[in-house]
Protein backbone atom coordinates (compact mmCIF):
# COMPACT_ATOMS: atom_id res chain seq x y z
CA MET A 1 9.75 -29.97 6.36
CA LYS A 2 11.87 -32.20 4.24
CA PRO A 3 10.75 -35.72 5.13
CA HIS A 4 13.37 -38.28 5.99
CA LEU A 5 13.96 -41.16 3.65
CA THR A 6 11.58 -43.90 4.66
CA ARG A 7 11.21 -45.72 1.36
CA ARG A 8 14.44 -44.70 -0.27
CA GLY A 9 17.90 -45.74 0.82
CA LEU A 10 20.74 -43.45 -0.07
CA LEU A 11 23.52 -45.72 1.11
CA GLY A 12 23.00 -48.28 -1.61
CA LEU A 13 23.19 -45.68 -4.36
CA GLY A 14 26.21 -44.31 -6.17
CA VAL A 15 27.92 -41.47 -4.34
CA GLY A 16 28.45 -38.28 -6.29
CA ALA A 17 30.90 -35.48 -5.66
CA GLY A 18 30.69 -31.74 -5.47
CA GLY A 19 28.75 -30.84 -2.36
CA ALA A 20 28.02 -31.44 1.29
CA VAL A 21 25.19 -33.58 2.60
CA LEU A 22 22.30 -31.49 3.90
CA LEU A 23 19.64 -34.12 4.52
CA GLY A 24 17.07 -32.33 6.64
CA ALA A 25 14.12 -33.08 8.85
CA CYS A 26 11.05 -33.82 6.71
CA SER A 27 -13.27 -40.90 -4.38
CA ASP A 28 -14.72 -41.05 -0.94
CA ASP A 29 -16.54 -44.41 -0.85
CA GLY A 30 -19.19 -43.63 1.72
CA PRO A 31 -19.22 -42.86 5.43
CA ASN A 32 -19.12 -45.10 8.43
CA PRO A 33 -21.27 -42.87 10.62
CA VAL A 34 -19.99 -43.89 14.03
CA VAL A 35 -16.75 -43.53 15.91
CA GLY A 36 -14.41 -46.49 16.12
CA GLY A 37 -16.17 -48.74 13.63
CA GLY A 38 -19.52 -49.28 15.44
CA GLY A 39 -20.83 -51.19 18.43
CA GLU A 40 -23.43 -50.35 21.05
CA ASN A 41 -21.23 -47.77 22.78
CA ALA A 42 -20.23 -45.94 19.61
CA GLN A 43 -20.83 -42.19 19.58
CA PRO A 44 -21.22 -39.84 16.63
CA ALA A 45 -18.10 -37.83 15.89
CA ALA A 46 -18.44 -34.16 16.79
CA THR A 47 -16.75 -30.81 16.40
CA ASN A 48 -16.56 -30.39 20.17
CA TYR A 49 -16.01 -32.70 23.11
CA THR A 50 -18.03 -32.57 26.33
CA GLY A 51 -17.01 -35.87 27.93
CA PRO A 52 -14.72 -36.57 30.88
CA ASN A 53 -11.10 -35.47 30.90
CA VAL A 54 -8.93 -37.46 28.50
CA ALA A 55 -5.22 -37.50 27.65
CA LEU A 56 -4.13 -38.10 24.04
CA ALA A 57 -0.69 -39.09 22.80
CA PHE A 58 0.12 -37.48 19.45
CA TRP A 59 3.19 -38.75 17.58
CA ASN A 60 4.81 -37.29 14.50
CA GLY A 61 8.16 -36.76 12.79
CA PHE A 62 8.26 -32.97 12.75
CA THR A 63 11.88 -32.66 13.83
CA GLY A 64 12.62 -29.62 11.68
CA GLY A 65 11.47 -26.02 11.83
CA ASP A 66 7.87 -27.13 11.55
CA GLY A 67 8.05 -28.90 14.91
CA PRO A 68 7.70 -25.74 17.01
CA VAL A 69 4.83 -24.60 14.75
CA MET A 70 2.89 -27.79 15.45
CA LYS A 71 3.76 -27.63 19.15
CA ALA A 72 2.31 -24.12 19.34
CA LEU A 73 -0.89 -25.34 17.70
CA VAL A 74 -1.10 -28.23 20.16
CA ASP A 75 -0.63 -25.83 23.08
CA ARG A 76 -3.36 -23.58 21.74
CA PHE A 77 -5.71 -26.54 21.38
CA ASN A 78 -5.03 -27.61 24.95
CA SER A 79 -5.73 -24.13 26.26
CA GLU A 80 -9.06 -23.97 24.40
CA ASN A 81 -10.09 -27.52 25.33
CA PRO A 82 -9.41 -27.99 29.06
CA ASN A 83 -10.97 -31.47 29.12
CA ILE A 84 -8.49 -32.76 26.49
CA LYS A 85 -4.75 -32.92 27.10
CA VAL A 86 -2.68 -33.65 24.00
CA THR A 87 0.97 -34.57 24.50
CA MET A 88 3.18 -34.44 21.41
CA ASN A 89 6.11 -36.84 20.93
CA VAL A 90 8.47 -36.26 18.01
CA TYR A 91 10.76 -38.80 16.34
CA GLU A 92 12.87 -38.90 13.21
CA TRP A 93 10.56 -40.14 10.45
CA ALA A 94 12.61 -43.30 9.82
CA ASP A 95 12.35 -44.18 13.53
CA TYR A 96 8.71 -43.17 13.68
CA TYR A 97 7.63 -45.64 11.00
CA GLN A 98 9.34 -48.43 12.92
CA LYS A 99 8.17 -47.40 16.38
CA VAL A 100 4.49 -46.91 15.59
CA PRO A 101 3.59 -50.43 14.37
CA ALA A 102 5.65 -51.98 17.17
CA ALA A 103 3.96 -49.83 19.80
CA VAL A 104 0.47 -50.54 18.44
CA SER A 105 1.13 -54.29 18.36
CA THR A 106 2.07 -54.28 22.06
CA GLY A 107 -0.89 -52.14 23.08
CA ASN A 108 1.27 -49.10 23.79
CA GLY A 109 0.60 -47.10 20.66
CA PRO A 110 -0.26 -43.40 20.51
CA ASP A 111 -3.81 -42.22 19.97
CA LEU A 112 -3.10 -39.90 17.06
CA GLY A 113 -0.37 -39.37 14.54
CA ILE A 114 0.78 -37.99 11.22
CA MET A 115 1.66 -40.18 8.25
CA HIS A 116 2.97 -39.45 4.79
CA VAL A 117 0.30 -40.42 2.32
CA GLU A 118 2.30 -43.26 0.76
CA GLN A 119 2.50 -44.99 4.17
CA VAL A 120 -1.24 -45.01 4.89
CA ALA A 121 -2.33 -48.09 2.92
CA THR A 122 0.47 -50.24 4.34
CA ASN A 123 -0.45 -49.34 7.90
CA ALA A 124 -4.16 -49.78 7.18
CA ALA A 125 -3.52 -53.28 5.86
CA ARG A 126 -1.48 -54.08 8.96
CA GLY A 127 -4.29 -52.92 11.24
CA VAL A 128 -2.20 -50.11 12.66
CA VAL A 129 -4.56 -47.23 11.79
CA LEU A 130 -8.35 -46.92 12.02
CA PRO A 131 -10.92 -45.94 9.38
CA LEU A 132 -11.88 -42.26 9.55
CA ASP A 133 -14.98 -42.19 7.33
CA ASP A 134 -16.99 -40.98 10.31
CA VAL A 135 -14.73 -37.95 10.70
CA ALA A 136 -15.30 -36.92 7.12
CA ALA A 137 -19.05 -37.50 7.42
CA SER A 138 -19.59 -35.74 10.75
CA LEU A 139 -17.47 -32.76 9.76
CA GLN A 140 -19.11 -32.74 6.32
CA LEU A 141 -15.74 -32.96 4.59
CA ASN A 142 -15.56 -34.15 1.02
CA GLU A 143 -13.38 -33.96 -2.07
CA ALA A 144 -14.49 -30.39 -2.82
CA ASP A 145 -13.08 -29.24 0.53
CA PHE A 146 -9.58 -30.34 -0.50
CA SER A 147 -8.60 -31.29 -4.06
CA PRO A 148 -9.24 -34.56 -5.89
CA PRO A 149 -5.73 -36.07 -5.81
CA VAL A 150 -5.11 -35.13 -2.17
CA TRP A 151 -8.47 -36.37 -0.94
CA ARG A 152 -8.49 -39.66 -2.86
CA ALA A 153 -5.00 -40.57 -1.70
CA GLY A 154 -6.28 -41.34 1.82
CA VAL A 155 -8.65 -44.12 0.74
CA TYR A 156 -7.66 -47.78 0.94
CA ASN A 157 -9.94 -50.76 0.26
CA ASN A 158 -13.00 -48.48 -0.01
CA LYS A 159 -12.44 -46.89 3.40
CA ARG A 160 -10.86 -43.59 4.39
CA TYR A 161 -7.91 -43.93 6.75
CA ALA A 162 -6.44 -40.43 6.63
CA ILE A 163 -7.49 -36.78 6.73
CA PRO A 164 -5.02 -34.58 4.83
CA LEU A 165 -3.30 -31.75 6.68
CA ASP A 166 -1.09 -30.39 3.92
CA VAL A 167 0.71 -31.04 0.68
CA HIS A 168 4.38 -30.32 0.12
CA PRO A 169 4.88 -30.14 -3.65
CA GLN A 170 7.93 -29.71 -5.79
CA GLY A 171 8.43 -26.23 -7.25
CA MET A 172 11.05 -24.48 -9.34
CA PHE A 173 13.39 -22.28 -7.31
CA TYR A 174 15.55 -19.81 -9.20
CA ASN A 175 18.45 -17.47 -8.52
CA LYS A 176 17.50 -14.05 -9.88
CA ALA A 177 21.05 -12.73 -9.99
CA VAL A 178 22.21 -15.68 -12.09
CA LEU A 179 19.33 -15.18 -14.53
CA GLU A 180 20.24 -11.51 -14.90
CA GLN A 181 23.86 -12.49 -15.51
CA ALA A 182 22.71 -14.47 -18.55
CA GLY A 183 20.46 -11.69 -19.83
CA LEU A 184 17.25 -13.40 -18.70
CA ASP A 185 14.32 -11.68 -17.02
CA PRO A 186 14.51 -12.56 -13.29
CA GLU A 187 10.82 -11.82 -12.87
CA LYS A 188 9.69 -14.11 -15.70
CA PRO A 189 11.10 -17.61 -15.21
CA PRO A 190 10.49 -20.13 -18.01
CA THR A 191 7.15 -21.90 -18.02
CA THR A 192 7.45 -24.26 -21.00
CA GLY A 193 9.95 -26.83 -22.18
CA GLU A 194 11.06 -24.64 -25.05
CA GLU A 195 11.58 -21.63 -22.81
CA TYR A 196 13.44 -23.74 -20.29
CA LEU A 197 15.94 -25.16 -22.77
CA ALA A 198 16.41 -21.71 -24.32
CA ALA A 199 17.24 -20.35 -20.88
CA LEU A 200 19.70 -23.20 -20.26
CA ASP A 201 21.40 -22.41 -23.58
CA LYS A 202 21.80 -18.76 -22.62
CA LEU A 203 23.19 -19.73 -19.24
CA LYS A 204 25.57 -22.20 -20.85
CA SER A 205 26.85 -19.48 -23.17
CA LYS A 206 27.85 -17.56 -20.03
CA GLY A 207 29.62 -20.59 -18.57
CA ILE A 208 26.80 -21.43 -16.18
CA GLN A 209 25.44 -24.95 -15.79
CA GLY A 210 21.89 -23.89 -15.03
CA HIS A 211 20.19 -27.06 -13.80
CA TRP A 212 22.24 -29.53 -11.78
CA ALA A 213 20.82 -33.03 -12.29
CA THR A 214 21.03 -34.97 -9.04
CA PRO A 215 21.07 -38.78 -9.00
CA PHE A 216 19.54 -38.95 -5.53
CA PRO A 217 15.91 -39.34 -4.44
CA PHE A 218 15.93 -35.79 -3.07
CA THR A 219 15.31 -34.54 -5.63
CA GLY A 220 16.32 -36.51 -8.72
CA THR A 221 13.64 -39.16 -8.29
CA HIS A 222 11.04 -36.52 -7.57
CA GLN A 223 12.00 -34.69 -10.76
CA PHE A 224 11.74 -37.92 -12.74
CA GLU A 225 8.28 -38.61 -11.32
CA SER A 226 7.08 -35.08 -12.10
CA LEU A 227 8.34 -35.37 -15.67
CA THR A 228 6.82 -38.83 -16.19
CA TRP A 229 3.41 -37.44 -15.29
CA GLN A 230 4.04 -34.38 -17.46
CA PHE A 231 4.74 -36.65 -20.43
CA GLY A 232 1.38 -38.34 -19.86
CA GLY A 233 2.63 -41.41 -18.03
CA GLN A 234 2.03 -43.12 -14.71
CA LEU A 235 4.37 -44.87 -12.31
CA PHE A 236 2.03 -47.85 -11.79
CA ASP A 237 -1.43 -48.86 -12.85
CA GLU A 238 -4.22 -47.79 -10.49
CA GLN A 239 -4.15 -50.95 -8.38
CA ALA A 240 -0.35 -51.26 -8.58
CA THR A 241 -0.52 -54.65 -10.27
CA LYS A 242 2.30 -53.65 -12.62
CA PRO A 243 4.85 -50.85 -13.03
CA LEU A 244 4.38 -48.40 -15.88
CA PHE A 245 7.37 -46.12 -15.28
CA ALA A 246 9.53 -47.93 -17.88
CA GLU A 247 7.11 -47.12 -20.71
CA GLU A 248 7.67 -44.31 -23.21
CA PRO A 249 6.71 -41.37 -20.91
CA GLY A 250 9.14 -42.57 -18.25
CA VAL A 251 11.91 -43.06 -20.79
CA LYS A 252 11.31 -39.55 -22.10
CA ALA A 253 11.44 -38.17 -18.57
CA LEU A 254 14.68 -39.86 -17.62
CA THR A 255 16.24 -39.07 -20.99
CA TRP A 256 15.42 -35.39 -20.46
CA LEU A 257 17.24 -35.46 -17.13
CA THR A 258 20.27 -37.37 -18.39
CA ASP A 259 20.50 -35.02 -21.37
CA LEU A 260 21.07 -32.18 -18.91
CA VAL A 261 24.36 -33.88 -18.11
CA LYS A 262 25.19 -35.02 -21.63
CA ASN A 263 24.56 -31.55 -23.10
CA GLY A 264 26.55 -29.68 -20.47
CA TYR A 265 23.64 -28.03 -18.69
CA SER A 266 24.63 -29.93 -15.55
CA PRO A 267 27.91 -31.22 -14.17
CA LYS A 268 28.39 -34.96 -13.78
CA ASN A 269 28.25 -36.81 -10.47
CA VAL A 270 26.31 -34.21 -8.53
CA ALA A 271 26.41 -34.98 -4.81
CA GLN A 272 23.47 -35.05 -2.44
CA ASP A 273 22.07 -31.50 -2.09
CA ALA A 274 24.91 -30.05 -4.20
CA ASP A 275 22.24 -28.81 -6.64
CA LEU A 276 20.66 -26.63 -3.95
CA ILE A 277 24.05 -25.45 -2.70
CA ALA A 278 24.92 -24.45 -6.28
CA LEU A 279 21.75 -22.34 -6.48
CA GLN A 280 22.64 -20.57 -3.25
CA ASN A 281 26.23 -19.97 -4.37
CA GLY A 282 25.30 -18.55 -7.76
CA LYS A 283 26.56 -21.56 -9.73
CA ALA A 284 23.13 -22.70 -10.92
CA ALA A 285 20.00 -20.85 -11.97
CA PHE A 286 17.29 -23.43 -11.35
CA ASN A 287 16.56 -26.06 -8.71
CA TRP A 288 13.45 -28.25 -8.67
CA ASN A 289 12.93 -28.95 -5.01
CA GLY A 290 10.32 -29.38 -2.33
CA ILE A 291 8.44 -26.59 -0.61
CA TRP A 292 10.66 -27.01 2.46
CA THR A 293 13.32 -25.19 0.42
CA ILE A 294 11.48 -21.91 1.04
CA ASN A 295 12.71 -21.76 4.62
CA THR A 296 16.21 -22.86 3.58
CA LEU A 297 16.57 -20.02 1.09
CA ARG A 298 15.01 -17.44 3.41
CA ALA A 299 17.88 -18.08 5.79
CA VAL A 300 20.55 -17.22 3.17
CA LYS A 301 21.54 -13.59 3.51
CA ASN A 302 21.48 -11.36 0.43
CA LEU A 303 20.19 -14.12 -1.84
CA GLU A 304 17.77 -12.89 -4.50
CA TRP A 305 15.53 -15.80 -5.35
CA GLY A 306 12.05 -16.74 -6.45
CA VAL A 307 9.89 -19.80 -6.82
CA SER A 308 7.21 -20.84 -9.28
CA ALA A 309 5.23 -23.86 -10.37
CA LEU A 310 7.30 -26.38 -12.30
CA PRO A 311 7.64 -25.54 -15.99
CA THR A 312 5.56 -27.78 -18.24
CA ILE A 313 8.27 -29.73 -20.05
CA GLY A 314 5.87 -32.37 -21.37
CA SER A 315 2.32 -32.17 -22.65
CA GLN A 316 0.58 -31.37 -19.36
CA PRO A 317 1.33 -29.70 -16.02
CA ALA A 318 2.19 -32.09 -13.21
CA ALA A 319 4.32 -32.17 -10.08
CA TRP A 320 5.48 -34.61 -7.43
CA ALA A 321 4.15 -33.94 -3.95
CA GLY A 322 4.10 -35.47 -0.53
CA SER A 323 1.30 -35.01 1.97
CA HIS A 324 1.08 -35.18 5.76
CA ASN A 325 -2.13 -36.84 6.93
CA PHE A 326 -3.83 -37.27 10.28
CA VAL A 327 -4.44 -40.84 11.42
CA GLN A 328 -5.86 -42.51 14.52
CA PHE A 329 -4.22 -45.67 15.83
CA LYS A 330 -5.77 -48.96 16.81
CA GLN A 331 -5.82 -49.72 20.54
CA ARG A 332 -6.34 -53.06 22.28
CA SER A 333 -9.37 -51.56 23.97
CA GLN A 334 -10.91 -48.64 22.14
CA ASP A 335 -11.89 -45.72 24.37
CA GLN A 336 -14.79 -43.95 22.66
CA ASN A 337 -14.13 -40.74 24.58
CA LYS A 338 -10.54 -40.68 23.35
CA LEU A 339 -11.62 -41.39 19.80
CA GLN A 340 -14.13 -38.58 19.86
CA ALA A 341 -11.68 -36.14 21.45
CA GLY A 342 -9.10 -37.09 18.84
CA LYS A 343 -11.44 -36.19 16.04
CA VAL A 344 -12.05 -32.79 17.62
CA PHE A 345 -8.28 -32.29 17.69
CA ILE A 346 -7.90 -33.28 14.01
CA ASN A 347 -10.61 -30.82 13.00
CA PHE A 348 -9.07 -28.02 15.09
CA ILE A 349 -5.57 -28.36 13.65
CA SER A 350 -6.91 -28.70 10.13
CA LYS A 351 -8.87 -25.46 10.48
CA GLN A 352 -5.80 -23.66 11.87
CA SER A 353 -3.59 -24.82 9.02
CA ILE A 354 -2.84 -21.26 7.87
CA GLU A 355 -0.37 -21.19 10.77
CA TRP A 356 1.03 -24.48 9.48
CA ALA A 357 1.36 -22.91 6.04
CA LYS A 358 3.49 -20.12 7.47
CA GLY A 359 5.93 -22.84 8.54
CA GLY A 360 6.38 -23.81 4.88
CA GLN A 361 3.49 -25.98 3.68
CA VAL A 362 0.44 -25.78 1.41
CA PRO A 363 -2.75 -26.34 3.43
CA ALA A 364 -4.84 -29.26 2.21
CA ARG A 365 -8.12 -27.50 2.98
CA LYS A 366 -9.39 -25.41 0.09
CA GLU A 367 -10.99 -22.76 2.30
CA ILE A 368 -7.56 -22.03 3.80
CA ARG A 369 -5.79 -21.95 0.42
CA ASP A 370 -8.44 -19.62 -0.98
CA GLY A 371 -8.14 -17.20 1.94
CA ALA A 372 -6.34 -13.88 1.89
CA GLU A 373 -3.82 -14.98 4.52
CA PHE A 374 -2.51 -17.82 2.38
CA LYS A 375 -2.46 -15.71 -0.76
CA ALA A 376 -0.32 -13.23 1.19
CA LEU A 377 2.38 -15.94 1.41
CA PRO A 378 3.73 -15.53 -2.14
CA GLU A 379 6.14 -18.46 -2.19
CA GLN A 380 3.71 -20.99 -0.71
CA ALA A 381 0.92 -19.66 -2.93
CA ALA A 382 3.09 -20.03 -6.05
CA ILE A 383 3.81 -23.67 -5.30
CA GLY A 384 0.23 -24.21 -4.12
CA SER A 385 -1.09 -23.12 -7.52
CA GLN A 386 -0.27 -26.66 -8.69
CA ILE A 387 -2.71 -28.25 -6.22
CA ASP A 388 -4.93 -29.97 -8.81
CA ASN A 389 -1.94 -31.17 -10.85
CA LEU A 390 -0.23 -33.06 -8.04
CA HIS A 391 0.25 -36.81 -8.07
CA PHE A 392 0.64 -39.45 -5.39
CA PRO A 393 1.48 -43.17 -5.46
CA PRO A 394 -1.39 -45.68 -5.67
CA SER A 395 -3.00 -46.34 -2.29
CA VAL A 396 -1.74 -49.92 -2.12
CA PRO A 397 0.07 -51.67 0.76
CA GLY A 398 3.82 -51.94 0.33
CA ILE A 399 3.99 -49.41 -2.51
CA PRO A 400 7.02 -47.63 -0.98
CA ASP A 401 9.07 -50.81 -1.44
CA ALA A 402 8.20 -51.01 -5.14
CA MET A 403 8.88 -47.31 -5.62
CA ALA A 404 12.37 -47.69 -4.21
CA THR A 405 13.37 -49.42 -7.44
CA ILE A 406 12.85 -46.10 -9.24
CA ASP A 407 15.57 -44.53 -7.12
CA THR A 408 18.09 -47.03 -8.43
CA ALA A 409 17.11 -46.42 -12.06
CA VAL A 410 17.36 -42.65 -11.72
CA ASN A 411 20.70 -42.96 -9.99
CA GLU A 412 22.18 -45.28 -12.62
CA ALA A 413 20.97 -43.17 -15.54
CA ILE A 414 21.96 -39.73 -14.26
CA LEU A 415 25.40 -41.06 -13.30
CA LEU A 416 25.57 -42.31 -16.94
CA ARG A 417 26.07 -45.91 -15.86
CA LYS A 418 23.05 -47.15 -17.83
CA GLU A 419 20.94 -45.74 -20.63
CA PRO A 420 17.54 -44.56 -19.36
CA ALA A 421 15.47 -47.27 -21.07
CA LYS A 422 17.71 -50.04 -19.74
CA ALA A 423 17.82 -48.62 -16.21
CA LEU A 424 14.04 -48.31 -16.10
CA ALA A 425 13.43 -51.76 -17.61
CA ASP A 426 15.69 -53.36 -15.02
CA ALA A 427 13.93 -51.47 -12.23
CA ALA A 428 10.50 -52.45 -13.55
CA GLY A 429 11.52 -56.11 -13.44
CA LYS A 430 12.45 -55.78 -9.79
CA ALA A 431 9.29 -53.77 -9.06
CA ASN A 432 7.17 -56.55 -10.57
CA GLN A 433 8.70 -59.02 -8.15
CA ILE A 434 8.05 -56.72 -5.19
CA LEU A 435 4.45 -56.10 -6.23
CA GLU A 436 3.85 -59.85 -6.45
CA GLN A 437 5.40 -60.34 -3.01
CA ASN A 438 3.18 -57.56 -1.65
CA ARG A 439 0.04 -59.22 -3.02
CA LYS A 440 0.95 -62.40 -1.18
CA LYS A 441 1.91 -60.50 1.96
CA TYR A 442 -1.09 -58.17 2.17
CA GLY A 443 -3.65 -60.02 0.05
CA GLY A 444 -5.19 -58.91 -3.21
């Protein structure tokens, strides 16, 4: 699923031309060995539930094609656990992130939910979600069961608040017919910066602008972030006390993207999603996009396409990714039976995540990714090969607000309104102000 913009506003950015809008649906620091944070009535978390009948409200933003997949998993869980009734409510992500804190504050919040990893720390600091160290401990889950960047992303203030369900990384999608048209091997897409630029030159010689550089968050900002990490940089320091994206690696990354336009490998003023439309229509060869694009391209008749890990343009492999995570919500009066039943549900869905993968995701659990069923999904497996090279924002409250400044810089530079270094420096100044405001707002 292509997640909705929750930290990035498109309306305030420059509007490009050339396409229709296709915005779519979407170290562990030690266990706390009891459910719900302790107390005399606390129970150990378990892999099964034998208590009285309970009803659980499960909220998420799976409004796209992944919604029915999750609903089927919920139905299966209910049929196998007659003493637990899970009801799933689905909202647009932008609405979801407004509704959840409001509902929790009034005592009407759901029991369980899904959150994108960059939202976890903010909601932990607000007291919206509960620590889940006991889940990890009782189910004997640790970093080795997932992958280091995915697992560590759910920790805030030395406590775990999220259990990862999946990752949805960026990959390189390519039109095989267009590659053949330029005399390139459609079964061997470029893997290095040199190979990539050589391919773009060949495409250009045939009148094809091979990589359309988009000035929008989906996926221009994501491409910038991937490239910054590839060039050895970071977006922020580990505790998000200062932005680092305007340093040399970030400037290199944004310069590489703007040079696509300046050197004629991309048209100017590319509209939202026009880059993906161009790939489908045979007007572009490459599109760096999220894993949700698999299902989009599968629906296009007679399109010959493939997908691979991102080429390594810089000195090291790296890719942007999002991640859906399970959370449990704070209640005015914690029901230990509900908490325990909720943990059984989280474990069940996590272990069935091969079905989730078929809907267009990379399972977070290593045992699922290493299994034959996942390896038999060639597109997901290709993107999933990047699992240990994925990056996430620092687990700091309010980080989405600071990251929104990057969107503006990418937009201004790719639209050739500002030079990359200037655009990034201006954005870093604004990000510094936001980070300072966040420290006062959330503490730290």
